[in-house]
């Protein structure tokens, strides 16, 4: 049978894998498709789609984004499967907790009154609304930079809230019904705020082609289907479980599965923006494996002997040595610790980027003027509180993501120097030399550091940053195939392996919106609109 070419179709998301050529038979009653994956397929020209194929196509169109799997990240399906498991566990437990709450509120008891139950509900809702406002104001800046951590925090908060709901049904705790329900509402409110905020970031991450609305719509469809199954399963579960002795083992088992599913889903996420933890891992590994902090001063001395000395505040990336290798996003993600950032956030241990002048706690305006002269070549000012271990950074107007990363780089260096000073690992000698340099520079500038320790840590860390950050930044751009000079090609082995690089256009370092605007001898801090 002879066939004549008619048309060619291709999938714009992956043309190599999905390209088909169509031919018409000589009788014009059949259609031939030459597909690279399936070979030659003969079909009736206007034949209806097979029933099984129609069902699969309908399910895919309802629950999966258009162009799946090439329109979303590779971990999309894995995350959604675990998210479905955890959502199903939540709905099944919801039936059990609702039953416990109704029993605890006195439903079916002659002593219970509708007015008392209504007042309890209103008071509980009021507590939840107040908690929502307070929690949002405290943690909103941290949601973007700690998406994984807050997502898991949200579900564990929900688990605590549901457990408190279950306790309201115990006869021995009937006198504490209002307290338990209020605490439960607080936990669920924190869950709602954190889950809602992180969900938008995760959806944007999955939308590989900018199809955020489509990904969000399909996720809502998945949640609706899970809700229907959860309601049916919960009703069957409630009829089967009649006594608390049976309800609690089932509830605890579902809770354990819920936590496990959430953890597996969160760790499957591959986020390519640099947040505080990922940036710290990347920088610390760079300082350990490449040259290192302790070699920076020696390298500077060799440069001076060759006649091309480097002064503080100016640097160059020109070097005869090849750029060092940095950790890939996959390697960095393997070292992440889920709850470490939240613990540091609660203890105020992370660098405070984008601070106000009032946060510096400097004893006099002269100290601020001196600090501005020290960092005259930078778009940021940095100081350190040795006793609390907190690094405070003020950004000048016009600071870029590169400036944010550079300030964070120096913050990591200063923490390492402070740690060496505390444990005595060679830090005393470096500290004494940096202190002498701080004192001499303070004398030349006509200013004085609030303390010699602060001076030596800030100046020593700044010197290391001036020498090492340009190399780090050039290597980071080279790994991503984004070298501004154009003289370095992206790593061929990573390109061949399909390794995606870091998103350098956006730094999720928890930077606040205050910027320093300098007007002559006066400095003011103005918040960006």
Protein backbone atom coordinates (compact mmCIF):
# COMPACT_ATOMS: atom_id res chain seq x y z
CA UNK A 1 0.00 0.00 0.00
CA UNK A 2 1.38 3.37 -1.00
CA UNK A 3 1.30 6.32 1.42
CA UNK A 4 1.67 10.04 0.76
CA UNK A 5 2.98 12.59 3.30
CA UNK A 6 0.38 14.92 4.79
CA UNK A 7 1.79 16.67 7.86
CA UNK A 8 4.31 16.57 10.68
CA UNK A 9 3.53 17.38 14.30
CA UNK A 10 5.89 17.94 17.21
CA UNK A 11 5.77 18.60 20.93
CA UNK A 12 7.23 22.09 21.46
CA UNK A 13 8.38 21.09 24.95
CA UNK A 14 10.42 18.11 23.74
CA UNK A 15 10.61 17.91 19.93
CA UNK A 16 13.23 15.14 19.89
CA UNK A 17 11.07 12.70 21.82
CA UNK A 18 7.70 13.64 20.35
CA UNK A 19 7.78 14.17 16.59
CA UNK A 20 5.43 12.27 14.27
CA UNK A 21 4.98 12.21 10.49
CA UNK A 22 1.54 11.49 9.03
CA UNK A 23 0.85 9.86 5.66
CA UNK A 24 -2.37 9.06 3.81
CA UNK A 25 -2.88 5.71 2.10
CA UNK A 26 -3.65 5.53 -1.60
CA UNK A 27 -7.28 4.68 -0.83
CA UNK A 28 -7.54 7.76 1.45
CA UNK A 29 -9.33 5.64 4.05
CA UNK A 30 -6.47 5.11 6.50
CA UNK A 31 -3.86 7.29 8.14
CA UNK A 32 -0.29 6.25 8.80
CA UNK A 33 1.77 7.73 11.63
CA UNK A 34 5.52 7.31 11.56
CA UNK A 35 6.52 7.80 15.19
CA UNK A 36 10.12 7.54 16.42
CA UNK A 37 8.95 5.72 19.53
CA UNK A 38 6.28 3.41 18.15
CA UNK A 39 7.30 2.85 14.54
CA UNK A 40 4.54 2.65 11.90
CA UNK A 41 0.98 2.77 13.25
CA UNK A 42 -2.02 2.20 10.94
CA UNK A 43 -5.31 3.73 11.98
CA UNK A 44 -8.62 4.57 10.40
CA UNK A 45 -8.58 8.15 9.18
CA UNK A 46 -11.54 9.26 11.30
CA UNK A 47 -11.63 6.39 13.78
CA UNK A 48 -12.75 7.31 17.30
CA UNK A 49 -10.25 7.15 20.14
CA UNK A 50 -10.18 3.83 21.97
CA UNK A 51 -12.06 3.78 25.29
CA UNK A 52 -8.99 3.05 27.40
CA UNK A 53 -6.97 5.73 25.66
CA UNK A 54 -9.79 8.25 26.13
CA UNK A 55 -9.97 7.56 29.87
CA UNK A 56 -6.22 7.96 30.31
CA UNK A 57 -6.25 11.15 28.25
CA UNK A 58 -9.13 12.55 30.32
CA UNK A 59 -7.42 11.78 33.64
CA UNK A 60 -4.18 13.32 32.41
CA UNK A 61 -5.94 16.46 31.19
CA UNK A 62 -7.74 16.82 34.53
CA UNK A 63 -4.91 16.24 36.98
CA UNK A 64 -1.63 16.93 35.14
CA UNK A 65 -0.38 20.25 33.70
CA UNK A 66 -0.40 20.79 29.96
CA UNK A 67 2.82 19.48 28.44
CA UNK A 68 3.60 17.15 31.37
CA UNK A 69 6.29 16.04 32.10
CA UNK A 70 8.27 18.66 30.16
CA UNK A 71 6.38 21.68 31.46
CA UNK A 72 7.22 21.00 35.13
CA UNK A 73 10.26 20.08 37.22
CA UNK A 74 11.44 16.50 37.26
CA UNK A 75 10.45 15.98 40.91
CA UNK A 76 6.86 17.15 40.33
CA UNK A 77 5.25 13.70 40.26
CA UNK A 78 7.22 12.43 43.27
CA UNK A 79 6.22 15.44 45.35
CA UNK A 80 2.57 15.23 44.31
CA UNK A 81 2.36 11.54 45.19
CA UNK A 82 3.65 12.15 48.71
CA UNK A 83 1.47 15.25 48.99
CA UNK A 84 -1.56 13.13 48.09
CA UNK A 85 -0.67 10.57 50.75
CA UNK A 86 -0.32 13.21 53.46
CA UNK A 87 -3.55 14.94 52.42
CA UNK A 88 -5.45 11.65 52.56
CA UNK A 89 -4.10 11.01 56.06
CA UNK A 90 -5.27 14.47 57.13
CA UNK A 91 -8.83 13.95 55.89
CA UNK A 92 -9.09 10.52 57.49
CA UNK A 93 -7.95 11.95 60.81
CA UNK A 94 -10.31 14.89 60.38
CA UNK A 95 -13.31 12.61 60.80
CA UNK A 96 -11.88 11.21 64.05
CA UNK A 97 -11.03 14.64 65.48
CA UNK A 98 -14.43 16.09 64.56
CA UNK A 99 -16.09 13.24 66.43
CA UNK A 100 -13.86 13.90 69.46
CA UNK A 101 -14.58 17.66 69.42
CA UNK A 102 -18.33 17.13 69.26
CA UNK A 103 -18.16 14.72 72.17
CA UNK A 104 -15.98 17.11 74.14
CA UNK A 105 -18.34 20.04 73.51
CA UNK A 106 -21.20 18.06 75.02
CA UNK A 107 -23.18 17.05 71.96
CA UNK A 108 -25.82 14.58 73.13
CA UNK A 109 -25.54 15.71 76.75
CA UNK A 110 -28.55 17.29 78.47
CA UNK A 111 -26.28 19.67 80.39
CA UNK A 112 -24.82 21.23 77.24
CA UNK A 113 -26.28 24.47 75.86
CA UNK A 114 -26.16 25.88 72.35
CA UNK A 115 -25.15 29.33 73.62
CA UNK A 116 -22.15 27.95 75.51
CA UNK A 117 -20.98 25.98 72.48
CA UNK A 118 -21.39 29.03 70.22
CA UNK A 119 -19.36 31.24 72.58
CA UNK A 120 -16.59 28.65 72.71
CA UNK A 121 -16.46 28.54 68.91
CA UNK A 122 -16.42 32.32 68.57
CA UNK A 123 -13.66 32.70 71.16
CA UNK A 124 -11.64 29.97 69.49
CA UNK A 125 -11.94 31.64 66.08
CA UNK A 126 -10.91 34.99 67.55
CA UNK A 127 -7.78 33.47 69.05
CA UNK A 128 -6.97 31.94 65.67
CA UNK A 129 -7.33 35.26 63.83
CA UNK A 130 -5.10 37.07 66.33
CA UNK A 131 -2.49 34.32 66.03
CA UNK A 132 -2.62 34.57 62.24
CA UNK A 133 -1.80 38.29 62.33
CA UNK A 134 1.01 37.86 64.86
CA UNK A 135 2.58 34.86 63.15
CA UNK A 136 2.46 36.50 59.70
CA UNK A 137 4.19 39.64 60.96
CA UNK A 138 6.95 37.65 62.66
CA UNK A 139 7.74 34.99 60.07
CA UNK A 140 6.72 36.39 56.68
CA UNK A 141 10.25 37.42 55.68
CA UNK A 142 11.51 33.88 56.32
CA UNK A 143 8.94 32.02 54.20
CA UNK A 144 10.67 32.59 50.85
CA UNK A 145 14.16 31.69 52.03
CA UNK A 146 13.13 28.57 53.99
CA UNK A 147 10.39 27.05 51.85
CA UNK A 148 11.12 23.41 52.68
CA UNK A 149 11.44 24.02 56.39
CA UNK A 150 8.25 26.04 56.75
CA UNK A 151 6.32 23.55 54.61
CA UNK A 152 7.24 20.74 56.97
CA UNK A 153 6.64 23.01 59.97
CA UNK A 154 3.12 23.68 58.70
CA UNK A 155 2.18 20.02 58.57
CA UNK A 156 3.71 19.19 61.94
CA UNK A 157 1.80 22.13 63.44
CA UNK A 158 -1.34 20.65 61.95
CA UNK A 159 -0.49 17.29 63.51
CA UNK A 160 -0.15 18.92 66.93
CA UNK A 161 -3.46 20.70 66.44
CA UNK A 162 -5.29 17.52 65.47
CA UNK A 163 -3.78 15.71 68.46
CA UNK A 164 -5.11 18.43 70.77
CA UNK A 165 -8.51 18.02 69.12
CA UNK A 166 -8.42 14.32 69.90
CA UNK A 167 -7.64 15.09 73.55
CA UNK A 168 -10.86 17.12 73.88
CA UNK A 169 -12.85 13.90 73.60
CA UNK A 170 -11.25 12.33 76.68
CA UNK A 171 -13.60 12.39 79.71
CA UNK A 172 -10.75 13.35 82.05
CA UNK A 173 -10.07 16.55 80.06
CA UNK A 174 -13.61 17.81 79.56
CA UNK A 175 -12.94 20.71 81.93
CA UNK A 176 -10.14 21.96 79.66
CA UNK A 177 -12.12 21.90 76.42
CA UNK A 178 -11.79 25.62 75.67
CA UNK A 179 -8.05 25.68 76.38
CA UNK A 180 -7.40 22.65 74.18
CA UNK A 181 -9.48 23.94 71.29
CA UNK A 182 -7.79 27.36 71.45
CA UNK A 183 -4.33 25.79 71.38
CA UNK A 184 -5.44 23.55 68.54
CA UNK A 185 -6.68 26.57 66.59
CA UNK A 186 -3.35 28.35 67.12
CA UNK A 187 -1.49 25.36 65.66
CA UNK A 188 -3.87 25.06 62.72
CA UNK A 189 -3.65 28.79 62.05
CA UNK A 190 0.14 28.65 61.88
CA UNK A 191 -0.24 25.67 59.56
CA UNK A 192 -2.61 27.60 57.29
CA UNK A 193 -0.35 30.65 57.07
CA UNK A 194 2.89 28.73 56.51
CA UNK A 195 1.35 26.20 54.10
CA UNK A 196 -0.39 28.87 52.05
CA UNK A 197 2.74 31.00 51.69
CA UNK A 198 5.07 28.12 50.86
CA UNK A 199 2.56 26.57 48.46
CA UNK A 200 2.79 29.60 46.18
CA UNK A 201 6.60 29.36 46.12
CA UNK A 202 6.51 25.63 45.41
CA UNK A 203 3.97 26.11 42.61
CA UNK A 204 6.16 28.79 41.03
CA UNK A 205 9.14 26.44 41.31
CA UNK A 206 7.30 23.62 39.51
CA UNK A 207 6.06 25.91 36.70
CA UNK A 208 9.08 25.41 34.48
CA UNK A 209 7.54 27.31 31.55
CA UNK A 210 5.87 30.02 33.60
CA UNK A 211 2.59 28.06 33.61
CA UNK A 212 1.84 28.89 37.24
CA UNK A 213 -1.94 29.14 36.77
CA UNK A 214 -2.12 25.76 35.04
CA UNK A 215 -0.01 24.02 37.69
CA UNK A 216 -2.09 25.61 40.45
CA UNK A 217 -5.36 24.60 38.78
CA UNK A 218 -4.26 20.98 38.42
CA UNK A 219 -3.11 20.91 42.03
CA UNK A 220 -6.54 22.12 43.12
CA UNK A 221 -8.10 19.34 41.05
CA UNK A 222 -5.87 16.80 42.76
CA UNK A 223 -6.83 18.15 46.18
CA UNK A 224 -10.53 17.97 45.31
CA UNK A 225 -10.22 14.32 44.27
CA UNK A 226 -8.27 13.48 47.42
CA UNK A 227 -10.92 15.26 49.51
CA UNK A 228 -13.68 13.12 48.00
CA UNK A 229 -11.77 9.92 48.69
CA UNK A 230 -10.89 11.17 52.17
CA UNK A 231 -14.51 11.91 53.05
CA UNK A 232 -15.68 8.48 51.92
CA UNK A 233 -12.80 6.75 53.67
CA UNK A 234 -13.31 8.83 56.81
CA UNK A 235 -16.98 7.93 57.04
CA UNK A 236 -16.18 4.24 56.69
CA UNK A 237 -13.41 4.62 59.24
CA UNK A 238 -15.72 6.39 61.71
CA UNK A 239 -18.30 3.60 61.49
CA UNK A 240 -15.66 0.96 62.00
CA UNK A 241 -14.02 2.74 64.94
CA UNK A 242 -16.56 3.16 67.70
CA UNK A 243 -14.48 3.42 70.88
CA UNK A 244 -11.51 5.64 71.86
CA UNK A 245 -9.34 2.58 72.51
CA UNK A 246 -9.50 1.81 68.81
CA UNK A 247 -9.47 5.41 67.57
CA UNK A 248 -6.17 6.40 69.15
CA UNK A 249 -4.00 3.65 67.56
CA UNK A 250 -5.50 4.45 64.16
CA UNK A 251 -5.00 8.18 64.68
CA UNK A 252 -1.38 7.80 65.77
CA UNK A 253 -0.61 5.46 62.86
CA UNK A 254 -2.08 7.93 60.38
CA UNK A 255 -0.12 10.75 62.04
CA UNK A 256 3.15 8.85 61.71
CA UNK A 257 2.41 8.16 58.05
CA UNK A 258 1.49 11.83 57.58
CA UNK A 259 4.82 13.04 58.99
CA UNK A 260 6.76 10.51 56.91
CA UNK A 261 4.95 11.46 53.69
CA UNK A 262 5.55 15.16 54.32
CA UNK A 263 9.23 14.62 54.99
CA UNK A 264 9.68 12.55 51.83
CA UNK A 265 7.84 15.16 49.79
CA UNK A 266 9.85 18.07 51.17
CA UNK A 267 13.25 16.44 50.69
CA UNK A 268 12.34 15.58 47.09
CA UNK A 269 12.15 19.29 46.22
CA UNK A 270 15.15 20.59 44.27
CA UNK A 271 15.23 24.35 44.77
CA UNK A 272 17.85 26.21 42.76
CA UNK A 273 17.78 29.58 44.50
CA UNK A 274 20.41 30.30 47.14
CA UNK A 275 18.92 30.66 50.60
CA UNK A 276 20.86 31.08 53.84
CA UNK A 277 21.52 27.38 54.42
CA UNK A 278 22.40 26.47 50.83
CA UNK A 279 24.60 29.55 50.42
CA UNK A 280 26.39 28.76 53.71
CA UNK A 281 27.05 25.17 52.59
CA UNK A 282 28.37 26.36 49.22
CA UNK A 283 30.59 29.08 50.70
CA UNK A 284 32.00 26.94 53.52
CA UNK A 285 32.88 24.17 51.09
CA UNK A 286 34.57 26.71 48.80
CA UNK A 287 36.62 28.12 51.67
CA UNK A 288 37.59 24.63 52.81
CA UNK A 289 38.50 23.08 49.46
CA UNK A 290 39.77 26.01 47.40
CA UNK A 291 42.68 28.15 48.72
CA UNK A 292 40.88 28.64 52.04
CA UNK A 293 40.67 31.54 54.41
CA UNK A 294 44.08 31.00 55.88
CA UNK A 295 45.79 31.14 52.46
CA UNK A 296 44.25 34.45 51.43
CA UNK A 297 46.76 36.53 53.36
CA UNK A 298 49.69 34.51 52.02
CA UNK A 299 48.43 34.89 48.48
CA UNK A 300 48.11 38.63 49.01
CA UNK A 301 51.71 38.81 50.23
CA UNK A 302 52.93 36.96 47.14
CA UNK A 303 51.01 39.36 44.93
CA UNK A 304 52.67 42.30 46.63
CA UNK A 305 56.10 40.79 46.04
CA UNK A 306 55.29 40.46 42.34
CA UNK A 307 54.40 44.15 42.29
CA UNK A 308 50.63 43.84 41.76
CA UNK A 309 49.36 44.34 45.27
CA UNK A 310 45.67 44.34 46.08
CA UNK A 311 44.26 47.02 48.35
CA UNK A 312 41.20 46.57 50.47
CA UNK A 313 38.18 47.65 48.51
CA UNK A 314 39.48 46.69 45.08
CA UNK A 315 39.84 43.24 43.61
CA UNK A 316 40.27 41.35 40.39
CA UNK A 317 39.17 38.01 39.09
CA UNK A 318 42.11 37.68 36.70
CA UNK A 319 44.16 34.69 37.81
CA UNK A 320 46.46 32.23 36.05
CA UNK A 321 44.88 29.41 38.03
CA UNK A 322 41.74 27.63 36.81
CA UNK A 323 38.54 28.41 38.63
CA UNK A 324 37.77 26.02 41.49
CA UNK A 325 34.91 23.55 41.29
CA UNK A 326 31.86 24.34 43.37
CA UNK A 327 29.27 21.98 44.77
CA UNK A 328 26.37 21.28 42.43
CA UNK A 329 22.82 22.04 43.58
CA UNK A 330 22.23 18.31 44.04
CA UNK A 331 25.31 17.98 46.26
CA UNK A 332 24.30 20.99 48.33
CA UNK A 333 20.75 19.71 48.76
CA UNK A 334 22.12 16.40 50.04
CA UNK A 335 23.78 18.31 52.91
CA UNK A 336 20.73 20.36 53.86
CA UNK A 337 19.23 19.93 57.32
CA UNK A 338 15.50 20.56 57.33
CA UNK A 339 15.08 22.22 60.72
CA UNK A 340 18.45 23.91 61.14
CA UNK A 341 17.37 27.21 59.48
CA UNK A 342 14.23 27.52 61.63
CA UNK A 343 16.24 26.85 64.78
CA UNK A 344 18.75 29.54 63.78
CA UNK A 345 15.87 31.89 62.96
CA UNK A 346 14.29 31.37 66.38
CA UNK A 347 17.64 31.95 68.12
CA UNK A 348 18.44 34.99 65.90
CA UNK A 349 21.70 33.41 64.73
CA UNK A 350 21.38 34.11 61.02
CA UNK A 351 22.93 37.25 59.50
CA UNK A 352 20.52 40.18 59.60
CA UNK A 353 20.65 41.47 56.01
CA UNK A 354 19.04 44.78 55.10
CA UNK A 355 19.09 46.16 58.65
CA UNK A 356 18.52 49.73 59.78
CA UNK A 357 21.15 52.05 61.24
CA UNK A 358 19.47 51.78 64.63
CA UNK A 359 20.19 48.03 64.64
CA UNK A 360 23.95 48.67 64.73
CA UNK A 361 23.95 49.95 68.33
CA UNK A 362 27.06 52.04 67.67
CA UNK A 363 28.19 54.31 70.54
CA UNK A 364 28.60 57.48 68.44
CA UNK A 365 28.10 58.85 64.90
CA UNK A 366 31.87 58.75 64.40
CA UNK A 367 31.76 54.96 64.41
CA UNK A 368 29.17 54.96 61.63
CA UNK A 369 31.26 57.38 59.57
CA UNK A 370 34.31 55.19 60.02
CA UNK A 371 32.33 52.09 59.06
CA UNK A 372 31.14 53.83 55.90
CA UNK A 373 34.72 54.74 54.97
CA UNK A 374 35.94 51.18 55.51
CA UNK A 375 33.25 49.87 53.13
CA UNK A 376 33.47 52.84 50.76
CA UNK A 377 33.99 50.51 47.78
CA UNK A 378 31.01 48.32 48.63
CA UNK A 379 27.24 48.65 48.49
CA UNK A 380 26.94 47.39 52.05
CA UNK A 381 28.16 48.03 55.58
CA UNK A 382 28.84 45.14 57.92
CA UNK A 383 29.43 44.84 61.62
CA UNK A 384 29.47 42.02 64.11
CA UNK A 385 28.33 41.47 67.67
CA UNK A 386 30.99 39.13 69.11
CA UNK A 387 29.01 38.16 72.20
CA UNK A 388 25.74 37.27 70.44
CA UNK A 389 27.42 36.07 67.24
CA UNK A 390 25.01 38.10 65.07
CA UNK A 391 26.21 39.70 61.84
CA UNK A 392 24.37 42.90 60.90
CA UNK A 393 24.44 44.20 57.32
CA UNK A 394 23.17 47.53 55.98
CA UNK A 395 22.81 47.79 52.21
CA UNK A 396 23.36 50.96 50.26
CA UNK A 397 20.85 52.05 47.64
CA UNK A 398 21.38 50.17 44.39
CA UNK A 399 22.58 46.93 46.01
CA UNK A 400 22.25 43.95 43.66
CA UNK A 401 21.86 40.21 44.34
CA UNK A 402 25.63 39.94 43.89
CA UNK A 403 26.11 42.47 46.70
CA UNK A 404 23.75 40.47 48.91
CA UNK A 405 25.75 37.32 48.30
CA UNK A 406 29.03 39.15 48.90
CA UNK A 407 27.80 40.46 52.25
CA UNK A 408 26.66 36.96 53.16
CA UNK A 409 30.06 35.63 52.07
CA UNK A 410 31.79 38.00 54.49
CA UNK A 411 29.31 37.02 57.20
CA UNK A 412 30.36 33.38 56.80
CA UNK A 413 34.04 34.37 56.90
CA UNK A 414 33.60 36.42 60.05
CA UNK A 415 31.82 33.53 61.77
CA UNK A 416 34.68 31.21 60.91
CA UNK A 417 37.21 33.71 62.26
CA UNK A 418 35.19 34.10 65.44
CA UNK A 419 34.97 30.32 65.82
CA UNK A 420 38.75 30.04 65.41
CA UNK A 421 39.15 32.74 68.04
CA UNK A 422 36.90 30.89 70.47
CA UNK A 423 38.51 27.48 70.06
CA UNK A 424 42.05 28.87 69.72
CA UNK A 425 42.64 27.15 66.38
CA UNK A 426 45.20 29.59 65.05
CA UNK A 427 42.79 32.43 65.48
CA UNK A 428 44.71 34.26 68.18
CA UNK A 429 47.68 35.11 65.98
CA UNK A 430 45.44 36.10 63.07
CA UNK A 431 43.33 38.11 65.45
CA UNK A 432 46.32 39.99 66.89
CA UNK A 433 47.59 40.88 63.44
CA UNK A 434 44.15 41.96 62.28
CA UNK A 435 43.79 43.98 65.47
CA UNK A 436 47.03 45.83 64.75
CA UNK A 437 45.77 46.51 61.23
CA UNK A 438 42.45 47.72 62.60
CA UNK A 439 44.18 50.06 65.02
CA UNK A 440 46.48 51.51 62.37
CA UNK A 441 43.62 51.99 59.92
CA UNK A 442 41.48 53.59 62.61
CA UNK A 443 44.30 55.99 63.35
CA UNK A 444 44.72 56.90 59.70
CA UNK A 445 41.00 57.49 59.25
CA UNK A 446 40.61 59.45 62.45
CA UNK A 447 38.07 57.02 63.84
CA UNK A 448 38.07 54.18 66.29
CA UNK A 449 36.34 50.84 66.49
CA UNK A 450 33.95 50.28 69.41
CA UNK A 451 36.27 47.43 70.44
CA UNK A 452 39.57 45.97 69.17
CA UNK A 453 37.89 42.57 68.77
CA UNK A 454 35.24 44.02 66.47
CA UNK A 455 37.88 45.82 64.44
CA UNK A 456 40.07 42.79 63.88
CA UNK A 457 37.17 40.51 62.95
CA UNK A 458 35.56 42.93 60.51
CA UNK A 459 38.77 44.01 58.78
CA UNK A 460 40.24 40.51 58.59
CA UNK A 461 37.01 39.09 57.18
CA UNK A 462 36.77 41.96 54.70
CA UNK A 463 40.31 41.37 53.48
CA UNK A 464 39.52 37.69 52.93
CA UNK A 465 36.30 38.58 51.14
CA UNK A 466 38.09 41.00 48.82
CA UNK A 467 40.56 38.29 47.81
CA UNK A 468 38.26 35.26 47.63
CA UNK A 469 34.76 36.42 46.69
CA UNK A 470 35.66 37.45 43.09
CA UNK A 471 36.99 33.92 42.53
CA UNK A 472 33.90 32.41 44.13
CA UNK A 473 31.55 34.57 42.04
CA UNK A 474 33.42 33.85 38.81
CA UNK A 475 33.30 30.11 39.53
CA UNK A 476 29.60 30.36 40.32
CA UNK A 477 28.92 32.11 37.02
CA UNK A 478 31.10 29.64 35.15
CA UNK A 479 29.20 26.68 36.60
CA UNK A 480 25.98 28.25 35.34
CA UNK A 481 27.38 29.22 31.93
CA UNK A 482 26.84 32.89 32.75
CA UNK A 483 30.31 34.40 32.82
CA UNK A 484 30.07 38.12 32.18
CA UNK A 485 33.47 38.19 30.47
CA UNK A 486 32.44 35.44 28.10
CA UNK A 487 35.83 33.80 28.38
CA UNK A 488 34.69 30.75 30.27
CA UNK A 489 32.37 28.11 28.91
CA UNK A 490 29.93 26.26 31.18
CA UNK A 491 31.14 22.97 32.59
CA UNK A 492 30.73 20.48 29.76
CA UNK A 493 30.29 17.47 32.02
CA UNK A 494 27.45 19.10 33.92
CA UNK A 495 25.78 20.33 30.76
CA UNK A 496 25.90 16.82 29.33
CA UNK A 497 24.45 15.40 32.53
CA UNK A 498 21.62 17.92 32.49
CA UNK A 499 22.66 19.43 35.82
CA UNK A 500 20.78 22.67 36.36
CA UNK A 501 22.74 25.56 37.85
CA UNK A 502 21.91 28.06 40.56
CA UNK A 503 19.42 30.85 39.98
CA UNK A 504 21.71 33.85 40.44
CA UNK A 505 19.06 36.41 39.61
CA UNK A 506 17.30 35.90 42.92
CA UNK A 507 18.82 35.50 46.38
CA UNK A 508 16.50 34.20 49.07
CA UNK A 509 18.73 35.28 51.95
CA UNK A 510 16.00 36.89 54.04
CA UNK A 511 17.04 40.41 53.05
CA UNK A 512 14.85 43.16 54.42
CA UNK A 513 13.92 46.26 52.44
CA UNK A 514 15.91 49.01 54.16
CA UNK A 515 18.60 50.81 52.15
CA UNK A 516 21.13 53.48 53.07
CA UNK A 517 20.91 56.74 51.13
CA UNK A 518 23.92 59.02 51.62
CA UNK A 519 23.43 62.77 51.25
CA UNK A 520 26.66 64.63 51.94
CA UNK A 521 27.56 64.36 55.60
CA UNK A 522 24.14 63.02 56.53
CA UNK A 523 23.09 59.42 56.24
CA UNK A 524 19.50 58.31 56.41
CA UNK A 525 17.82 55.02 56.01
CA UNK A 526 14.87 54.84 53.67
CA UNK A 527 12.67 51.88 53.06
CA UNK A 528 12.12 50.76 49.49
CA UNK A 529 8.56 51.02 48.25
